[in-house]
Amino acid sequence: MHPKALRDVVVRIVESGETYETAAKLANVGRASVSRWLRKKRETGDLEGYVSPGRPPKIDEEASEILRRLVEEHKSCTDEELTEIFNKRTGVGATRSSVRRALERMGLTRKKSLSLRPSETDRT
């Protein structure tokens, strides 16, 4: 996103009589950005940016609680195994990445995959 000061300058350039193309070249932005900023100024009266809300997480608060309980029940599962169990239990259809992000939001860490390498510590 471009800084508000840049958007203000571009709008003033066009309002002073320059073309969209000239303003875009001077500010090193695309013509579509100039058009969008002018439309926003015309419709809302300001050029404040907005934060896109993004896609809501597949794993909401209720599903997070289920996931938390599954982590406690299945301590030795890999992320992949946990994801499979979670999807069967909830029907959410989450990916391993979605499950990992949800675990991170909860402050939980997991092993990513089954370790095939023997431990280097001596077990006596």
N, C-alpha and C. Protein backbone atom coordinates (compact mmCIF):
# COMPACT_ATOMS: atom_id res chain seq x y z
N MET A 1 0.84 -1.16 0.00
CA MET A 1 0.00 0.00 0.00
C MET A 1 0.90 1.24 0.00
N HIS A 2 0.48 2.22 -0.73
CA HIS A 2 1.24 3.47 -0.82
C HIS A 2 0.91 4.36 0.37
N PRO A 3 1.88 5.17 0.83
CA PRO A 3 1.62 6.06 1.96
C PRO A 3 0.55 7.10 1.62
N LYS A 4 -0.16 7.51 2.65
CA LYS A 4 -1.23 8.50 2.45
C LYS A 4 -0.68 9.79 1.85
N ALA A 5 0.51 10.20 2.25
CA ALA A 5 1.10 11.44 1.73
C ALA A 5 1.25 11.36 0.21
N LEU A 6 1.65 10.21 -0.31
CA LEU A 6 1.78 10.03 -1.76
C LEU A 6 0.41 10.12 -2.43
N ARG A 7 -0.59 9.47 -1.83
CA ARG A 7 -1.94 9.52 -2.41
C ARG A 7 -2.44 10.97 -2.44
N ASP A 8 -2.17 11.73 -1.37
CA ASP A 8 -2.58 13.14 -1.32
C ASP A 8 -1.93 13.94 -2.44
N VAL A 9 -0.64 13.75 -2.64
CA VAL A 9 0.10 14.49 -3.68
C VAL A 9 -0.47 14.16 -5.06
N VAL A 10 -0.70 12.88 -5.31
CA VAL A 10 -1.21 12.46 -6.63
C VAL A 10 -2.58 13.10 -6.88
N VAL A 11 -3.44 13.10 -5.90
CA VAL A 11 -4.76 13.71 -6.08
C VAL A 11 -4.63 15.21 -6.35
N ARG A 12 -3.74 15.89 -5.62
CA ARG A 12 -3.53 17.33 -5.85
C ARG A 12 -3.00 17.59 -7.26
N ILE A 13 -2.13 16.72 -7.75
CA ILE A 13 -1.59 16.88 -9.11
C ILE A 13 -2.73 16.84 -10.13
N VAL A 14 -3.62 15.85 -9.98
CA VAL A 14 -4.73 15.72 -10.93
C VAL A 14 -5.70 16.89 -10.76
N GLU A 15 -5.96 17.26 -9.51
CA GLU A 15 -6.89 18.38 -9.26
C GLU A 15 -6.34 19.71 -9.79
N SER A 16 -5.01 19.78 -9.96
CA SER A 16 -4.41 21.00 -10.50
C SER A 16 -4.47 21.04 -12.03
N GLY A 17 -5.01 19.98 -12.63
CA GLY A 17 -5.20 20.00 -14.08
C GLY A 17 -4.39 18.99 -14.86
N GLU A 18 -3.49 18.27 -14.20
CA GLU A 18 -2.69 17.26 -14.92
C GLU A 18 -3.54 16.02 -15.20
N THR A 19 -3.12 15.25 -16.18
CA THR A 19 -3.83 14.02 -16.51
C THR A 19 -3.49 12.92 -15.52
N TYR A 20 -4.30 11.87 -15.50
CA TYR A 20 -4.04 10.71 -14.66
C TYR A 20 -2.67 10.12 -15.00
N GLU A 21 -2.40 10.06 -16.32
CA GLU A 21 -1.14 9.46 -16.78
C GLU A 21 0.07 10.24 -16.27
N THR A 22 -0.01 11.56 -16.35
CA THR A 22 1.09 12.41 -15.88
C THR A 22 1.30 12.22 -14.38
N ALA A 23 0.22 12.24 -13.63
CA ALA A 23 0.31 12.07 -12.18
C ALA A 23 0.90 10.70 -11.85
N ALA A 24 0.48 9.68 -12.59
CA ALA A 24 1.00 8.33 -12.35
C ALA A 24 2.50 8.27 -12.61
N LYS A 25 2.95 8.90 -13.71
CA LYS A 25 4.39 8.91 -14.04
C LYS A 25 5.18 9.65 -12.99
N LEU A 26 4.68 10.83 -12.58
CA LEU A 26 5.40 11.63 -11.59
C LEU A 26 5.55 10.90 -10.26
N ALA A 27 4.53 10.14 -9.89
CA ALA A 27 4.55 9.45 -8.60
C ALA A 27 5.07 8.02 -8.71
N ASN A 28 5.35 7.59 -9.94
CA ASN A 28 5.83 6.22 -10.17
C ASN A 28 4.84 5.17 -9.65
N VAL A 29 3.58 5.40 -10.00
CA VAL A 29 2.51 4.45 -9.66
C VAL A 29 1.71 4.17 -10.92
N GLY A 30 0.84 3.19 -10.86
CA GLY A 30 0.01 2.86 -12.01
C GLY A 30 -1.16 3.81 -12.16
N ARG A 31 -1.64 3.94 -13.39
CA ARG A 31 -2.78 4.81 -13.67
C ARG A 31 -4.02 4.32 -12.90
N ALA A 32 -4.16 3.01 -12.76
CA ALA A 32 -5.31 2.46 -12.04
C ALA A 32 -5.30 2.92 -10.58
N SER A 33 -4.11 3.04 -9.99
CA SER A 33 -4.03 3.53 -8.61
C SER A 33 -4.52 4.97 -8.53
N VAL A 34 -4.11 5.78 -9.49
CA VAL A 34 -4.54 7.19 -9.53
C VAL A 34 -6.07 7.24 -9.62
N SER A 35 -6.62 6.46 -10.50
CA SER A 35 -8.07 6.43 -10.68
C SER A 35 -8.77 5.99 -9.39
N ARG A 36 -8.25 4.95 -8.76
CA ARG A 36 -8.84 4.43 -7.52
C ARG A 36 -8.80 5.49 -6.41
N TRP A 37 -7.66 6.18 -6.28
CA TRP A 37 -7.52 7.18 -5.23
C TRP A 37 -8.46 8.36 -5.46
N LEU A 38 -8.59 8.78 -6.71
CA LEU A 38 -9.50 9.88 -7.01
C LEU A 38 -10.95 9.48 -6.74
N ARG A 39 -11.31 8.27 -7.09
CA ARG A 39 -12.67 7.79 -6.83
C ARG A 39 -12.92 7.74 -5.33
N LYS A 40 -11.95 7.25 -4.57
CA LYS A 40 -12.09 7.18 -3.11
C LYS A 40 -12.25 8.58 -2.52
N LYS A 41 -11.46 9.51 -2.99
CA LYS A 41 -11.55 10.90 -2.52
C LYS A 41 -12.92 11.48 -2.83
N ARG A 42 -13.41 11.23 -4.05
CA ARG A 42 -14.71 11.74 -4.48
C ARG A 42 -15.84 11.11 -3.66
N GLU A 43 -15.76 9.80 -3.41
CA GLU A 43 -16.85 9.09 -2.74
C GLU A 43 -16.85 9.23 -1.23
N THR A 44 -15.65 9.30 -0.62
CA THR A 44 -15.58 9.31 0.85
C THR A 44 -15.05 10.62 1.41
N GLY A 45 -14.40 11.42 0.57
CA GLY A 45 -13.86 12.68 1.05
C GLY A 45 -12.47 12.57 1.65
N ASP A 46 -11.93 11.36 1.76
CA ASP A 46 -10.57 11.23 2.28
C ASP A 46 -9.82 10.14 1.54
N LEU A 47 -8.56 10.00 1.87
CA LEU A 47 -7.71 9.01 1.20
C LEU A 47 -7.09 8.03 2.19
N GLU A 48 -7.71 7.91 3.35
CA GLU A 48 -7.19 6.95 4.33
C GLU A 48 -7.20 5.55 3.71
N GLY A 49 -6.16 4.81 4.00
CA GLY A 49 -6.08 3.44 3.51
C GLY A 49 -7.04 2.57 4.28
N TYR A 50 -7.18 1.37 3.86
CA TYR A 50 -8.02 0.42 4.58
C TYR A 50 -7.26 -0.89 4.68
N VAL A 51 -7.58 -1.61 5.71
CA VAL A 51 -6.95 -2.90 5.91
C VAL A 51 -7.93 -3.95 5.42
N SER A 52 -7.48 -4.73 4.49
CA SER A 52 -8.32 -5.81 3.98
C SER A 52 -8.49 -6.85 5.07
N PRO A 53 -9.72 -7.26 5.34
CA PRO A 53 -9.92 -8.21 6.43
C PRO A 53 -9.33 -9.59 6.14
N GLY A 54 -9.10 -9.90 4.88
CA GLY A 54 -8.56 -11.22 4.55
C GLY A 54 -9.59 -12.32 4.71
N ARG A 55 -9.17 -13.50 4.45
CA ARG A 55 -10.04 -14.65 4.56
C ARG A 55 -10.13 -15.08 6.01
N PRO A 56 -11.33 -15.39 6.49
CA PRO A 56 -11.43 -15.84 7.88
C PRO A 56 -10.75 -17.21 8.03
N PRO A 57 -10.16 -17.47 9.19
CA PRO A 57 -9.49 -18.75 9.37
C PRO A 57 -10.48 -19.91 9.29
N LYS A 58 -10.04 -21.01 8.68
CA LYS A 58 -10.90 -22.20 8.62
C LYS A 58 -11.14 -22.75 10.01
N ILE A 59 -10.16 -22.56 10.86
CA ILE A 59 -10.25 -23.09 12.22
C ILE A 59 -10.64 -21.95 13.16
N ASP A 60 -11.95 -21.84 13.42
CA ASP A 60 -12.46 -20.77 14.27
C ASP A 60 -12.25 -21.12 15.74
N GLU A 61 -12.80 -20.32 16.64
CA GLU A 61 -12.58 -20.53 18.08
C GLU A 61 -13.09 -21.89 18.55
N GLU A 62 -14.26 -22.28 18.08
CA GLU A 62 -14.84 -23.56 18.48
C GLU A 62 -13.96 -24.72 18.00
N ALA A 63 -13.53 -24.65 16.73
CA ALA A 63 -12.67 -25.69 16.18
C ALA A 63 -11.30 -25.68 16.86
N SER A 64 -10.84 -24.50 17.27
CA SER A 64 -9.56 -24.40 17.97
C SER A 64 -9.60 -25.15 19.28
N GLU A 65 -10.73 -25.05 19.96
CA GLU A 65 -10.86 -25.77 21.23
C GLU A 65 -10.83 -27.28 21.01
N ILE A 66 -11.48 -27.73 19.95
CA ILE A 66 -11.43 -29.16 19.60
C ILE A 66 -9.99 -29.56 19.29
N LEU A 67 -9.31 -28.72 18.53
CA LEU A 67 -7.91 -29.00 18.18
C LEU A 67 -7.04 -29.06 19.43
N ARG A 68 -7.26 -28.16 20.36
CA ARG A 68 -6.49 -28.16 21.61
C ARG A 68 -6.68 -29.49 22.36
N ARG A 69 -7.93 -29.96 22.42
CA ARG A 69 -8.20 -31.24 23.09
C ARG A 69 -7.54 -32.40 22.35
N LEU A 70 -7.56 -32.36 21.01
CA LEU A 70 -6.93 -33.42 20.23
C LEU A 70 -5.42 -33.46 20.46
N VAL A 71 -4.80 -32.30 20.60
CA VAL A 71 -3.36 -32.25 20.86
C VAL A 71 -3.07 -32.94 22.19
N GLU A 72 -3.92 -32.70 23.19
CA GLU A 72 -3.72 -33.34 24.49
C GLU A 72 -3.94 -34.85 24.41
N GLU A 73 -4.94 -35.27 23.63
CA GLU A 73 -5.25 -36.71 23.50
C GLU A 73 -4.22 -37.46 22.67
N HIS A 74 -3.64 -36.78 21.69
CA HIS A 74 -2.74 -37.44 20.73
C HIS A 74 -1.37 -36.76 20.75
N LYS A 75 -0.70 -36.84 21.88
CA LYS A 75 0.57 -36.14 22.07
C LYS A 75 1.67 -36.57 21.10
N SER A 76 1.64 -37.81 20.66
CA SER A 76 2.74 -38.29 19.82
C SER A 76 2.44 -38.21 18.32
N CYS A 77 1.30 -37.64 17.94
CA CYS A 77 0.95 -37.53 16.52
C CYS A 77 1.80 -36.49 15.81
N THR A 78 2.06 -36.73 14.55
CA THR A 78 2.69 -35.71 13.72
C THR A 78 1.62 -34.70 13.30
N ASP A 79 2.05 -33.61 12.72
CA ASP A 79 1.09 -32.61 12.21
C ASP A 79 0.14 -33.24 11.21
N GLU A 80 0.69 -34.06 10.34
CA GLU A 80 -0.13 -34.68 9.31
C GLU A 80 -1.19 -35.59 9.92
N GLU A 81 -0.78 -36.39 10.90
CA GLU A 81 -1.73 -37.28 11.57
C GLU A 81 -2.77 -36.48 12.34
N LEU A 82 -2.33 -35.44 13.03
CA LEU A 82 -3.25 -34.60 13.78
C LEU A 82 -4.27 -33.93 12.86
N THR A 83 -3.80 -33.47 11.70
CA THR A 83 -4.70 -32.84 10.72
C THR A 83 -5.77 -33.83 10.27
N GLU A 84 -5.34 -35.05 9.99
CA GLU A 84 -6.29 -36.08 9.54
C GLU A 84 -7.34 -36.36 10.62
N ILE A 85 -6.89 -36.51 11.85
CA ILE A 85 -7.82 -36.76 12.97
C ILE A 85 -8.76 -35.57 13.15
N PHE A 86 -8.21 -34.36 13.10
CA PHE A 86 -9.01 -33.14 13.25
C PHE A 86 -10.10 -33.05 12.18
N ASN A 87 -9.71 -33.31 10.93
CA ASN A 87 -10.68 -33.23 9.84
C ASN A 87 -11.77 -34.28 9.96
N LYS A 88 -11.41 -35.49 10.39
CA LYS A 88 -12.42 -36.54 10.59
C LYS A 88 -13.38 -36.15 11.71
N ARG A 89 -12.85 -35.55 12.76
CA ARG A 89 -13.68 -35.20 13.91
C ARG A 89 -14.58 -34.00 13.63
N THR A 90 -14.07 -33.03 12.86
CA THR A 90 -14.83 -31.79 12.68
C THR A 90 -15.47 -31.61 11.31
N GLY A 91 -14.91 -32.28 10.29
CA GLY A 91 -15.40 -32.08 8.92
C GLY A 91 -14.97 -30.75 8.32
N VAL A 92 -14.00 -30.08 8.94
CA VAL A 92 -13.56 -28.76 8.49
C VAL A 92 -12.86 -28.82 7.14
N GLY A 93 -12.04 -29.82 6.91
CA GLY A 93 -11.27 -29.89 5.66
C GLY A 93 -10.05 -29.00 5.69
N ALA A 94 -9.43 -28.86 6.86
CA ALA A 94 -8.25 -28.01 7.01
C ALA A 94 -7.02 -28.68 6.42
N THR A 95 -6.08 -27.87 5.98
CA THR A 95 -4.80 -28.38 5.51
C THR A 95 -3.85 -28.45 6.70
N ARG A 96 -2.73 -29.13 6.49
CA ARG A 96 -1.72 -29.22 7.54
C ARG A 96 -1.24 -27.81 7.91
N SER A 97 -1.11 -26.95 6.89
CA SER A 97 -0.67 -25.57 7.15
C SER A 97 -1.69 -24.82 8.01
N SER A 98 -2.97 -25.01 7.75
CA SER A 98 -4.01 -24.35 8.56
C SER A 98 -3.94 -24.81 10.00
N VAL A 99 -3.74 -26.10 10.18
CA VAL A 99 -3.64 -26.65 11.53
C VAL A 99 -2.41 -26.07 12.23
N ARG A 100 -1.29 -26.00 11.52
CA ARG A 100 -0.06 -25.44 12.12
C ARG A 100 -0.27 -23.98 12.53
N ARG A 101 -0.91 -23.19 11.67
CA ARG A 101 -1.16 -21.78 12.01
C ARG A 101 -2.06 -21.67 13.24
N ALA A 102 -3.08 -22.52 13.30
CA ALA A 102 -3.98 -22.50 14.46
C ALA A 102 -3.21 -22.88 15.73
N LEU A 103 -2.34 -23.86 15.63
CA LEU A 103 -1.54 -24.26 16.79
C LEU A 103 -0.62 -23.12 17.22
N GLU A 104 -0.04 -22.43 16.25
CA GLU A 104 0.83 -21.30 16.56
C GLU A 104 0.06 -20.19 17.26
N ARG A 105 -1.17 -19.92 16.77
CA ARG A 105 -2.01 -18.89 17.41
C ARG A 105 -2.30 -19.26 18.86
N MET A 106 -2.40 -20.56 19.14
CA MET A 106 -2.67 -21.03 20.50
C MET A 106 -1.40 -21.15 21.33
N GLY A 107 -0.25 -20.93 20.70
CA GLY A 107 1.02 -21.04 21.42
C GLY A 107 1.49 -22.46 21.58
N LEU A 108 0.97 -23.37 20.78
CA LEU A 108 1.36 -24.78 20.86
C LEU A 108 2.31 -25.13 19.74
N THR A 109 3.26 -26.00 20.02
CA THR A 109 4.18 -26.46 18.98
C THR A 109 4.03 -27.96 18.83
N ARG A 110 4.32 -28.45 17.65
CA ARG A 110 4.18 -29.88 17.34
C ARG A 110 5.36 -30.31 16.50
N LYS A 111 5.57 -31.62 16.47
CA LYS A 111 6.58 -32.12 15.55
C LYS A 111 5.94 -32.19 14.17
N LYS A 112 6.70 -31.82 13.17
CA LYS A 112 6.15 -31.72 11.83
C LYS A 112 5.99 -33.07 11.16
N SER A 113 6.93 -33.96 11.40
CA SER A 113 6.84 -35.27 10.76
C SER A 113 7.49 -36.31 11.67
N LEU A 114 7.22 -37.53 11.38
CA LEU A 114 7.76 -38.63 12.15
C LEU A 114 9.27 -38.68 11.96
N SER A 115 10.00 -38.73 13.05
CA SER A 115 11.45 -38.77 12.97
C SER A 115 11.89 -40.19 12.63
N LEU A 116 12.66 -40.35 11.58
CA LEU A 116 13.15 -41.66 11.17
C LEU A 116 14.59 -41.87 11.62
N ARG A 117 15.20 -40.82 12.12
CA ARG A 117 16.58 -40.88 12.56
C ARG A 117 16.63 -41.31 14.02
N PRO A 118 17.52 -42.22 14.38
CA PRO A 118 17.61 -42.61 15.78
C PRO A 118 18.16 -41.45 16.61
N SER A 119 17.77 -41.41 17.85
CA SER A 119 18.24 -40.37 18.75
C SER A 119 19.74 -40.50 18.94
N GLU A 120 20.41 -39.35 19.09
CA GLU A 120 21.86 -39.37 19.31
C GLU A 120 22.18 -39.49 20.77
N THR A 121 21.20 -39.39 21.64
CA THR A 121 21.47 -39.55 23.07
C THR A 121 21.47 -41.02 23.44
N ASP A 122 22.33 -41.38 24.34
CA ASP A 122 22.46 -42.78 24.76
C ASP A 122 21.38 -43.11 25.77
N ARG A 123 20.57 -44.09 25.48
CA ARG A 123 19.50 -44.49 26.39
C ARG A 123 19.98 -45.69 27.20
N THR A 124 20.19 -45.47 28.47
CA THR A 124 20.66 -46.58 29.32
C THR A 124 19.68 -46.86 30.43
